[in-house]
Amino acid sequence: MRALLSCGILLTTGTLGTTALWSTTAATTSGTFTTANIELRVNGTDAYTFTFPGSLLPGSTTAAVVNVQNVGSVAIRYNARVSSSDALGQAMQLKVTAGGSVSGSTCTAGTGLVADGVSITGADAAFATSRGPLAATSGVEALCLQLTLPMSAPGTLAGNTGKMVKFTFDATAA
């Protein structure tokens, strides 16, 4: 009988097993985080207006330099387009030199030709794509923009004043 009771105690203990819980929980929280901003300027402003110097005859050129600037918090790449809403502007051909300067009425020197012979129309025409990257807060690229009135310009443009050639620059994170 004693042996039988001893077996019962051993069997009961073996079937219960252990009742300990094997789990835990931990929590974390983030520190401070901020968003980036993309901000492109031309000659220090977001709506720069300039005048090309001089009067043009067929075959003549005029030029000006603009500085494309990144004042945002991340590096950027940019694209540029040109268009005109008037007949004289649409008669022009565009040449763009990176890092160039103006000598007389043409773009000279520079670090490379960006575009040459771009026809200006009433619709946007791309003349620079995926330029850069320009460094955050201080990246700058000088572009020398040269307009040429072709020898084939119609006589009806004589004495006209072009009211606008529009250059549009768009930026994305690099």
N, C-alpha and C. Protein backbone atom coordinates (compact mmCIF):
# COMPACT_ATOMS: atom_id res chain seq x y z
N MET A 1 0.81 -1.16 0.00
CA MET A 1 0.00 0.00 0.00
C MET A 1 0.88 1.26 0.00
N ARG A 2 1.91 1.21 0.84
CA ARG A 2 2.80 2.34 0.90
C ARG A 2 3.47 2.55 -0.45
N ALA A 3 3.86 1.55 -1.12
CA ALA A 3 4.50 1.66 -2.43
C ALA A 3 3.53 2.24 -3.43
N LEU A 4 2.28 1.85 -3.34
CA LEU A 4 1.24 2.35 -4.25
C LEU A 4 1.01 3.84 -4.02
N LEU A 5 0.94 4.30 -2.80
CA LEU A 5 0.77 5.72 -2.50
C LEU A 5 1.98 6.53 -2.98
N SER A 6 3.16 6.00 -2.81
CA SER A 6 4.37 6.69 -3.27
C SER A 6 4.32 6.89 -4.78
N CYS A 7 3.87 5.94 -5.51
CA CYS A 7 3.75 6.07 -6.97
C CYS A 7 2.75 7.15 -7.32
N GLY A 8 1.67 7.27 -6.59
CA GLY A 8 0.64 8.28 -6.85
C GLY A 8 1.18 9.68 -6.66
N ILE A 9 2.01 9.88 -5.62
CA ILE A 9 2.61 11.19 -5.38
C ILE A 9 3.58 11.53 -6.51
N LEU A 10 4.38 10.59 -6.95
CA LEU A 10 5.31 10.83 -8.04
C LEU A 10 4.59 11.13 -9.35
N LEU A 11 3.52 10.41 -9.63
CA LEU A 11 2.78 10.64 -10.86
C LEU A 11 2.10 12.00 -10.85
N THR A 12 1.55 12.43 -9.75
CA THR A 12 0.87 13.72 -9.64
C THR A 12 1.85 14.85 -9.83
N THR A 13 3.01 14.79 -9.23
CA THR A 13 4.01 15.83 -9.37
C THR A 13 4.50 15.91 -10.81
N GLY A 14 4.67 14.81 -11.48
CA GLY A 14 5.16 14.78 -12.86
C GLY A 14 4.18 15.39 -13.85
N THR A 15 2.89 15.29 -13.62
CA THR A 15 1.91 15.81 -14.56
C THR A 15 1.68 17.31 -14.40
N LEU A 16 1.97 17.88 -13.24
CA LEU A 16 1.76 19.31 -13.04
C LEU A 16 2.82 20.15 -13.76
N GLY A 17 4.06 19.73 -13.79
CA GLY A 17 5.14 20.47 -14.44
C GLY A 17 5.41 21.77 -13.71
N THR A 18 6.02 22.74 -14.41
CA THR A 18 6.32 24.02 -13.79
C THR A 18 5.28 25.06 -14.22
N THR A 19 5.01 26.04 -13.40
CA THR A 19 4.01 27.06 -13.72
C THR A 19 4.64 28.45 -13.87
N ALA A 20 5.96 28.55 -14.08
CA ALA A 20 6.61 29.86 -14.25
C ALA A 20 6.26 30.46 -15.61
N LEU A 21 6.13 31.83 -15.71
CA LEU A 21 5.86 32.54 -16.97
C LEU A 21 7.17 33.01 -17.57
N TRP A 22 7.38 32.78 -18.85
CA TRP A 22 8.61 33.15 -19.53
C TRP A 22 8.35 34.27 -20.53
N SER A 23 7.99 35.45 -20.09
CA SER A 23 7.78 36.60 -20.98
C SER A 23 8.18 37.88 -20.27
N THR A 24 8.41 38.94 -21.07
CA THR A 24 8.76 40.24 -20.51
C THR A 24 8.34 41.32 -21.49
N THR A 25 8.32 42.57 -21.08
CA THR A 25 7.93 43.70 -21.92
C THR A 25 8.89 44.85 -21.69
N ALA A 26 9.25 45.56 -22.77
CA ALA A 26 10.07 46.76 -22.67
C ALA A 26 9.49 47.80 -23.61
N ALA A 27 9.62 49.09 -23.30
CA ALA A 27 9.10 50.17 -24.14
C ALA A 27 10.22 51.13 -24.48
N THR A 28 10.16 51.72 -25.68
CA THR A 28 11.12 52.76 -26.09
C THR A 28 10.34 53.93 -26.66
N THR A 29 10.94 55.11 -26.63
CA THR A 29 10.34 56.29 -27.27
C THR A 29 11.42 56.94 -28.12
N SER A 30 10.99 57.63 -29.19
CA SER A 30 11.96 58.27 -30.08
C SER A 30 12.43 59.57 -29.46
N GLY A 31 13.56 60.01 -29.98
CA GLY A 31 14.03 61.35 -29.65
C GLY A 31 13.40 62.34 -30.62
N THR A 32 13.96 63.52 -30.72
CA THR A 32 13.44 64.55 -31.61
C THR A 32 13.76 64.20 -33.06
N PHE A 33 12.84 64.51 -33.97
CA PHE A 33 13.10 64.36 -35.40
C PHE A 33 12.48 65.53 -36.12
N THR A 34 13.07 65.88 -37.27
CA THR A 34 12.59 67.02 -38.05
C THR A 34 12.44 66.61 -39.51
N THR A 35 11.71 67.40 -40.25
CA THR A 35 11.57 67.16 -41.68
C THR A 35 12.56 68.04 -42.43
N ALA A 36 12.90 67.63 -43.63
CA ALA A 36 13.79 68.41 -44.48
C ALA A 36 12.97 69.40 -45.30
N ASN A 37 13.63 70.40 -45.84
CA ASN A 37 12.95 71.28 -46.78
C ASN A 37 13.81 71.46 -48.03
N ILE A 38 13.13 71.57 -49.16
CA ILE A 38 13.78 71.79 -50.44
C ILE A 38 13.43 73.21 -50.87
N GLU A 39 14.46 74.04 -51.06
CA GLU A 39 14.21 75.42 -51.44
C GLU A 39 15.27 75.87 -52.43
N LEU A 40 14.81 76.21 -53.61
CA LEU A 40 15.67 76.62 -54.71
C LEU A 40 15.47 78.11 -54.96
N ARG A 41 16.55 78.82 -55.17
CA ARG A 41 16.49 80.25 -55.48
C ARG A 41 17.33 80.54 -56.71
N VAL A 42 17.00 81.61 -57.39
CA VAL A 42 17.81 82.11 -58.50
C VAL A 42 18.22 83.53 -58.14
N ASN A 43 19.51 83.75 -58.07
CA ASN A 43 20.07 85.04 -57.65
C ASN A 43 19.43 85.54 -56.35
N GLY A 44 19.25 84.63 -55.41
CA GLY A 44 18.79 84.99 -54.07
C GLY A 44 17.29 85.13 -53.89
N THR A 45 16.50 84.90 -54.91
CA THR A 45 15.05 85.05 -54.79
C THR A 45 14.33 83.93 -55.51
N ASP A 46 13.05 83.77 -55.22
CA ASP A 46 12.29 82.72 -55.91
C ASP A 46 11.56 83.25 -57.13
N ALA A 47 11.68 84.54 -57.43
CA ALA A 47 11.08 85.13 -58.63
C ALA A 47 11.99 86.24 -59.14
N TYR A 48 13.14 85.85 -59.67
CA TYR A 48 14.14 86.81 -60.13
C TYR A 48 13.77 87.33 -61.52
N THR A 49 13.87 88.64 -61.71
CA THR A 49 13.61 89.27 -63.00
C THR A 49 14.88 89.98 -63.44
N PHE A 50 15.27 89.77 -64.69
CA PHE A 50 16.45 90.45 -65.21
C PHE A 50 16.21 90.84 -66.65
N THR A 51 17.05 91.72 -67.16
CA THR A 51 16.96 92.19 -68.53
C THR A 51 18.23 91.80 -69.26
N PHE A 52 18.07 91.24 -70.45
CA PHE A 52 19.24 90.99 -71.30
C PHE A 52 19.67 92.34 -71.86
N PRO A 53 20.96 92.62 -71.82
CA PRO A 53 21.43 93.92 -72.31
C PRO A 53 21.49 93.99 -73.83
N GLY A 54 21.41 95.21 -74.34
CA GLY A 54 21.65 95.45 -75.76
C GLY A 54 20.47 95.25 -76.68
N SER A 55 20.62 95.77 -77.88
CA SER A 55 19.65 95.60 -78.96
C SER A 55 20.18 94.55 -79.90
N LEU A 56 19.29 93.79 -80.50
CA LEU A 56 19.71 92.68 -81.34
C LEU A 56 19.37 92.90 -82.81
N LEU A 57 20.27 92.47 -83.64
CA LEU A 57 20.06 92.35 -85.07
C LEU A 57 20.15 90.86 -85.39
N PRO A 58 19.63 90.42 -86.53
CA PRO A 58 19.81 89.01 -86.87
C PRO A 58 21.29 88.61 -86.79
N GLY A 59 21.56 87.50 -86.12
CA GLY A 59 22.91 87.01 -85.91
C GLY A 59 23.55 87.50 -84.61
N SER A 60 22.90 88.44 -83.92
CA SER A 60 23.44 88.99 -82.67
C SER A 60 23.08 88.11 -81.47
N THR A 61 23.87 88.30 -80.42
CA THR A 61 23.61 87.58 -79.17
C THR A 61 23.55 88.56 -78.01
N THR A 62 22.96 88.11 -76.93
CA THR A 62 22.95 88.81 -75.66
C THR A 62 23.04 87.75 -74.58
N ALA A 63 23.62 88.10 -73.44
CA ALA A 63 23.84 87.08 -72.41
C ALA A 63 23.73 87.67 -71.01
N ALA A 64 23.41 86.78 -70.07
CA ALA A 64 23.34 87.15 -68.65
C ALA A 64 23.64 85.90 -67.83
N VAL A 65 24.16 86.10 -66.62
CA VAL A 65 24.47 85.00 -65.71
C VAL A 65 23.43 84.97 -64.59
N VAL A 66 22.93 83.79 -64.29
CA VAL A 66 22.07 83.59 -63.12
C VAL A 66 22.71 82.51 -62.24
N ASN A 67 22.54 82.67 -60.93
CA ASN A 67 23.05 81.70 -59.97
C ASN A 67 21.90 80.88 -59.42
N VAL A 68 21.93 79.57 -59.69
CA VAL A 68 20.93 78.65 -59.16
C VAL A 68 21.44 78.22 -57.79
N GLN A 69 20.64 78.49 -56.74
CA GLN A 69 21.10 78.29 -55.37
C GLN A 69 20.20 77.34 -54.60
N ASN A 70 20.82 76.49 -53.78
CA ASN A 70 20.08 75.62 -52.86
C ASN A 70 20.17 76.25 -51.47
N VAL A 71 19.05 76.70 -50.95
CA VAL A 71 19.02 77.24 -49.60
C VAL A 71 18.21 76.33 -48.67
N GLY A 72 17.90 75.13 -49.15
CA GLY A 72 17.16 74.15 -48.35
C GLY A 72 18.10 73.34 -47.47
N SER A 73 17.54 72.37 -46.75
CA SER A 73 18.30 71.60 -45.76
C SER A 73 18.84 70.27 -46.27
N VAL A 74 18.58 69.93 -47.53
CA VAL A 74 19.11 68.69 -48.12
C VAL A 74 19.69 68.99 -49.50
N ALA A 75 20.60 68.16 -49.96
CA ALA A 75 21.17 68.31 -51.29
C ALA A 75 20.05 68.12 -52.34
N ILE A 76 20.16 68.85 -53.45
CA ILE A 76 19.13 68.78 -54.48
C ILE A 76 19.73 68.57 -55.86
N ARG A 77 18.88 68.13 -56.77
CA ARG A 77 19.13 68.15 -58.20
C ARG A 77 18.03 69.03 -58.79
N TYR A 78 18.32 69.67 -59.92
CA TYR A 78 17.30 70.53 -60.51
C TYR A 78 17.20 70.33 -62.01
N ASN A 79 16.03 70.71 -62.53
CA ASN A 79 15.73 70.71 -63.96
C ASN A 79 15.38 72.14 -64.34
N ALA A 80 15.61 72.49 -65.60
CA ALA A 80 15.30 73.85 -66.05
C ALA A 80 14.61 73.80 -67.41
N ARG A 81 13.66 74.75 -67.57
CA ARG A 81 12.90 74.85 -68.82
C ARG A 81 12.85 76.32 -69.24
N VAL A 82 12.57 76.53 -70.52
CA VAL A 82 12.46 77.89 -71.05
C VAL A 82 11.22 77.98 -71.94
N SER A 83 10.59 79.14 -71.93
CA SER A 83 9.45 79.41 -72.82
C SER A 83 9.33 80.92 -73.00
N SER A 84 8.50 81.33 -73.96
CA SER A 84 8.22 82.75 -74.17
C SER A 84 6.81 82.89 -74.70
N SER A 85 6.18 83.98 -74.31
CA SER A 85 4.80 84.21 -74.76
C SER A 85 4.74 85.20 -75.92
N ASP A 86 5.89 85.75 -76.35
CA ASP A 86 5.83 86.71 -77.46
C ASP A 86 6.69 86.27 -78.64
N ALA A 87 6.42 86.88 -79.79
CA ALA A 87 7.05 86.47 -81.06
C ALA A 87 8.57 86.64 -81.04
N LEU A 88 9.07 87.73 -80.47
CA LEU A 88 10.52 87.94 -80.45
C LEU A 88 11.20 86.89 -79.57
N GLY A 89 10.64 86.63 -78.41
CA GLY A 89 11.19 85.60 -77.53
C GLY A 89 11.20 84.23 -78.20
N GLN A 90 10.12 83.94 -78.95
CA GLN A 90 10.02 82.64 -79.63
C GLN A 90 10.93 82.54 -80.85
N ALA A 91 11.48 83.65 -81.30
CA ALA A 91 12.41 83.62 -82.43
C ALA A 91 13.84 83.29 -81.98
N MET A 92 14.10 83.37 -80.67
CA MET A 92 15.45 83.21 -80.13
C MET A 92 15.89 81.74 -80.03
N GLN A 93 17.22 81.57 -80.03
CA GLN A 93 17.85 80.28 -79.75
C GLN A 93 18.63 80.45 -78.45
N LEU A 94 18.61 79.42 -77.59
CA LEU A 94 19.25 79.49 -76.28
C LEU A 94 20.50 78.62 -76.23
N LYS A 95 21.55 79.18 -75.66
CA LYS A 95 22.78 78.44 -75.34
C LYS A 95 23.02 78.65 -73.84
N VAL A 96 23.37 77.59 -73.12
CA VAL A 96 23.60 77.68 -71.67
C VAL A 96 24.95 77.05 -71.35
N THR A 97 25.78 77.80 -70.61
CA THR A 97 27.08 77.32 -70.19
C THR A 97 27.16 77.34 -68.67
N ALA A 98 27.52 76.20 -68.07
CA ALA A 98 27.69 76.14 -66.61
C ALA A 98 28.99 76.84 -66.23
N GLY A 99 28.92 77.66 -65.19
CA GLY A 99 30.12 78.34 -64.70
C GLY A 99 30.65 79.41 -65.62
N GLY A 100 29.93 79.72 -66.67
CA GLY A 100 30.41 80.71 -67.64
C GLY A 100 30.24 82.14 -67.14
N SER A 101 30.85 83.03 -67.86
CA SER A 101 30.71 84.46 -67.58
C SER A 101 30.38 85.17 -68.88
N VAL A 102 29.97 86.42 -68.77
CA VAL A 102 29.61 87.21 -69.95
C VAL A 102 30.80 88.04 -70.38
N SER A 103 31.13 87.94 -71.64
CA SER A 103 32.18 88.78 -72.24
C SER A 103 31.54 89.45 -73.45
N GLY A 104 31.35 90.75 -73.36
CA GLY A 104 30.64 91.46 -74.41
C GLY A 104 29.18 91.05 -74.39
N SER A 105 28.76 90.27 -75.38
CA SER A 105 27.37 89.83 -75.42
C SER A 105 27.26 88.30 -75.53
N THR A 106 28.36 87.60 -75.21
CA THR A 106 28.34 86.14 -75.30
C THR A 106 28.81 85.50 -74.00
N CYS A 107 28.48 84.23 -73.85
CA CYS A 107 28.95 83.44 -72.72
C CYS A 107 30.33 82.88 -73.07
N THR A 108 31.26 83.00 -72.14
CA THR A 108 32.61 82.48 -72.37
C THR A 108 33.05 81.63 -71.19
N ALA A 109 34.12 80.89 -71.42
CA ALA A 109 34.73 80.01 -70.40
C ALA A 109 33.71 79.05 -69.84
N GLY A 110 33.74 78.84 -68.54
CA GLY A 110 32.80 77.93 -67.91
C GLY A 110 33.33 76.52 -67.81
N THR A 111 32.54 75.69 -67.16
CA THR A 111 32.94 74.30 -66.91
C THR A 111 32.26 73.32 -67.83
N GLY A 112 31.36 73.77 -68.67
CA GLY A 112 30.73 72.85 -69.61
C GLY A 112 29.49 73.41 -70.25
N LEU A 113 29.25 72.95 -71.45
CA LEU A 113 28.07 73.35 -72.20
C LEU A 113 26.87 72.55 -71.68
N VAL A 114 25.84 73.23 -71.24
CA VAL A 114 24.63 72.58 -70.74
C VAL A 114 23.65 72.36 -71.89
N ALA A 115 23.48 73.37 -72.73
CA ALA A 115 22.55 73.27 -73.86
C ALA A 115 23.00 74.23 -74.95
N ASP A 116 22.68 73.88 -76.21
CA ASP A 116 23.04 74.75 -77.31
C ASP A 116 21.98 74.61 -78.40
N GLY A 117 21.53 75.72 -78.92
CA GLY A 117 20.56 75.70 -80.01
C GLY A 117 19.16 75.31 -79.59
N VAL A 118 18.79 75.56 -78.33
CA VAL A 118 17.44 75.23 -77.86
C VAL A 118 16.46 76.25 -78.44
N SER A 119 15.47 75.76 -79.16
CA SER A 119 14.43 76.64 -79.70
C SER A 119 13.47 77.02 -78.59
N ILE A 120 13.17 78.29 -78.50
CA ILE A 120 12.23 78.78 -77.50
C ILE A 120 10.85 78.86 -78.15
N THR A 121 9.87 78.28 -77.50
CA THR A 121 8.50 78.28 -78.02
C THR A 121 7.56 78.76 -76.92
N GLY A 122 6.26 78.70 -77.20
CA GLY A 122 5.27 79.06 -76.20
C GLY A 122 5.12 78.01 -75.12
N ALA A 123 5.58 76.80 -75.39
CA ALA A 123 5.52 75.71 -74.41
C ALA A 123 6.91 75.53 -73.77
N ASP A 124 6.94 75.01 -72.57
CA ASP A 124 8.20 74.77 -71.89
C ASP A 124 9.09 73.81 -72.68
N ALA A 125 10.35 74.19 -72.87
CA ALA A 125 11.34 73.33 -73.51
C ALA A 125 12.46 73.10 -72.50
N ALA A 126 12.75 71.84 -72.19
CA ALA A 126 13.81 71.51 -71.22
C ALA A 126 15.16 71.89 -71.81
N PHE A 127 15.99 72.52 -70.98
CA PHE A 127 17.36 72.79 -71.41
C PHE A 127 18.39 72.26 -70.42
N ALA A 128 17.96 71.80 -69.27
CA ALA A 128 18.87 71.18 -68.30
C ALA A 128 18.07 70.16 -67.50
N THR A 129 18.61 68.96 -67.37
CA THR A 129 17.92 67.94 -66.58
C THR A 129 18.88 67.32 -65.58
N SER A 130 18.37 67.08 -64.40
CA SER A 130 19.11 66.43 -63.32
C SER A 130 20.47 67.07 -63.07
N ARG A 131 20.50 68.42 -63.02
CA ARG A 131 21.73 69.15 -62.71
C ARG A 131 22.02 69.04 -61.23
N GLY A 132 23.27 69.07 -60.86
CA GLY A 132 23.66 69.01 -59.46
C GLY A 132 24.41 67.73 -59.18
N PRO A 133 24.46 67.29 -57.95
CA PRO A 133 23.70 67.85 -56.82
C PRO A 133 24.30 69.16 -56.32
N LEU A 134 23.42 69.99 -55.79
CA LEU A 134 23.84 71.21 -55.11
C LEU A 134 23.75 70.93 -53.61
N ALA A 135 24.80 71.23 -52.89
CA ALA A 135 24.88 70.93 -51.45
C ALA A 135 23.80 71.68 -50.67
N ALA A 136 23.39 71.09 -49.57
CA ALA A 136 22.39 71.70 -48.69
C ALA A 136 22.87 73.06 -48.20
N THR A 137 21.98 74.01 -48.13
CA THR A 137 22.11 75.37 -47.61
C THR A 137 23.09 76.29 -48.34
N SER A 138 23.98 75.75 -49.18
CA SER A 138 24.97 76.64 -49.78
C SER A 138 25.38 76.28 -51.20
N GLY A 139 24.80 75.26 -51.79
CA GLY A 139 25.19 74.86 -53.15
C GLY A 139 24.74 75.87 -54.18
N VAL A 140 25.64 76.23 -55.09
CA VAL A 140 25.35 77.23 -56.12
C VAL A 140 25.96 76.76 -57.44
N GLU A 141 25.21 76.97 -58.52
CA GLU A 141 25.76 76.76 -59.86
C GLU A 141 25.43 77.99 -60.70
N ALA A 142 26.45 78.61 -61.25
CA ALA A 142 26.25 79.76 -62.14
C ALA A 142 25.97 79.24 -63.54
N LEU A 143 24.92 79.77 -64.15
CA LEU A 143 24.58 79.43 -65.53
C LEU A 143 24.62 80.71 -66.36
N CYS A 144 25.37 80.67 -67.44
CA CYS A 144 25.39 81.78 -68.37
C CYS A 144 24.35 81.47 -69.46
N LEU A 145 23.35 82.32 -69.57
CA LEU A 145 22.25 82.15 -70.53
C LEU A 145 22.50 83.09 -71.71
N GLN A 146 22.64 82.53 -72.89
CA GLN A 146 22.90 83.34 -74.09
C GLN A 146 21.77 83.17 -75.08
N LEU A 147 21.18 84.28 -75.50
CA LEU A 147 20.14 84.27 -76.53
C LEU A 147 20.74 84.76 -77.85
N THR A 148 20.38 84.09 -78.92
CA THR A 148 20.82 84.48 -80.26
C THR A 148 19.60 84.69 -81.14
N LEU A 149 19.57 85.81 -81.84
CA LEU A 149 18.53 86.06 -82.83
C LEU A 149 19.09 85.51 -84.15
N PRO A 150 18.51 84.43 -84.66
CA PRO A 150 19.07 83.79 -85.87
C PRO A 150 19.04 84.73 -87.08
N MET A 151 19.94 84.47 -88.01
CA MET A 151 19.99 85.23 -89.27
C MET A 151 18.67 85.10 -90.03
N SER A 152 17.96 84.00 -89.79
CA SER A 152 16.70 83.75 -90.50
C SER A 152 15.49 84.40 -89.83
N ALA A 153 15.70 85.24 -88.82
CA ALA A 153 14.58 85.89 -88.12
C ALA A 153 13.76 86.72 -89.10
N PRO A 154 12.44 86.65 -89.02
CA PRO A 154 11.59 87.40 -89.97
C PRO A 154 11.72 88.92 -89.77
N GLY A 155 11.64 89.67 -90.86
CA GLY A 155 11.72 91.13 -90.82
C GLY A 155 10.63 91.77 -89.98
N THR A 156 9.51 91.07 -89.79
CA THR A 156 8.42 91.62 -88.98
C THR A 156 8.82 91.82 -87.52
N LEU A 157 9.95 91.24 -87.10
CA LEU A 157 10.41 91.40 -85.71
C LEU A 157 11.24 92.67 -85.53
N ALA A 158 11.64 93.32 -86.63
CA ALA A 158 12.47 94.53 -86.54
C ALA A 158 11.77 95.60 -85.70
N GLY A 159 12.50 96.17 -84.75
CA GLY A 159 11.96 97.24 -83.90
C GLY A 159 11.10 96.75 -82.75
N ASN A 160 10.89 95.45 -82.64
CA ASN A 160 10.07 94.90 -81.55
C ASN A 160 10.87 94.80 -80.25
N THR A 161 10.15 94.80 -79.17
CA THR A 161 10.75 94.55 -77.86
C THR A 161 10.17 93.26 -77.32
N GLY A 162 11.05 92.34 -76.97
CA GLY A 162 10.58 91.10 -76.35
C GLY A 162 10.19 91.38 -74.92
N LYS A 163 9.03 90.89 -74.53
CA LYS A 163 8.56 91.18 -73.18
C LYS A 163 8.98 90.13 -72.17
N MET A 164 9.19 88.89 -72.64
CA MET A 164 9.52 87.90 -71.64
C MET A 164 10.05 86.61 -72.25
N VAL A 165 11.16 86.17 -71.71
CA VAL A 165 11.63 84.79 -71.87
C VAL A 165 11.64 84.27 -70.45
N LYS A 166 10.90 83.20 -70.22
CA LYS A 166 10.72 82.67 -68.87
C LYS A 166 11.58 81.42 -68.67
N PHE A 167 12.39 81.46 -67.62
CA PHE A 167 13.22 80.33 -67.24
C PHE A 167 12.63 79.75 -65.95
N THR A 168 12.31 78.47 -65.95
CA THR A 168 11.70 77.82 -64.79
C THR A 168 12.64 76.74 -64.27
N PHE A 169 12.88 76.76 -62.97
CA PHE A 169 13.76 75.78 -62.32
C PHE A 169 12.97 75.01 -61.28
N ASP A 170 13.06 73.68 -61.32
CA ASP A 170 12.39 72.81 -60.36
C ASP A 170 13.42 71.93 -59.67
N ALA A 171 13.27 71.72 -58.36
CA ALA A 171 14.24 70.94 -57.60
C ALA A 171 13.61 69.73 -56.94
N THR A 172 14.42 68.68 -56.78
CA THR A 172 14.05 67.48 -56.03
C THR A 172 15.24 67.10 -55.17
N ALA A 173 14.99 66.34 -54.13
CA ALA A 173 16.07 65.87 -53.26
C ALA A 173 17.02 64.99 -54.06
N ALA A 174 18.31 65.16 -53.82
CA ALA A 174 19.32 64.40 -54.55
C ALA A 174 19.41 62.97 -54.05
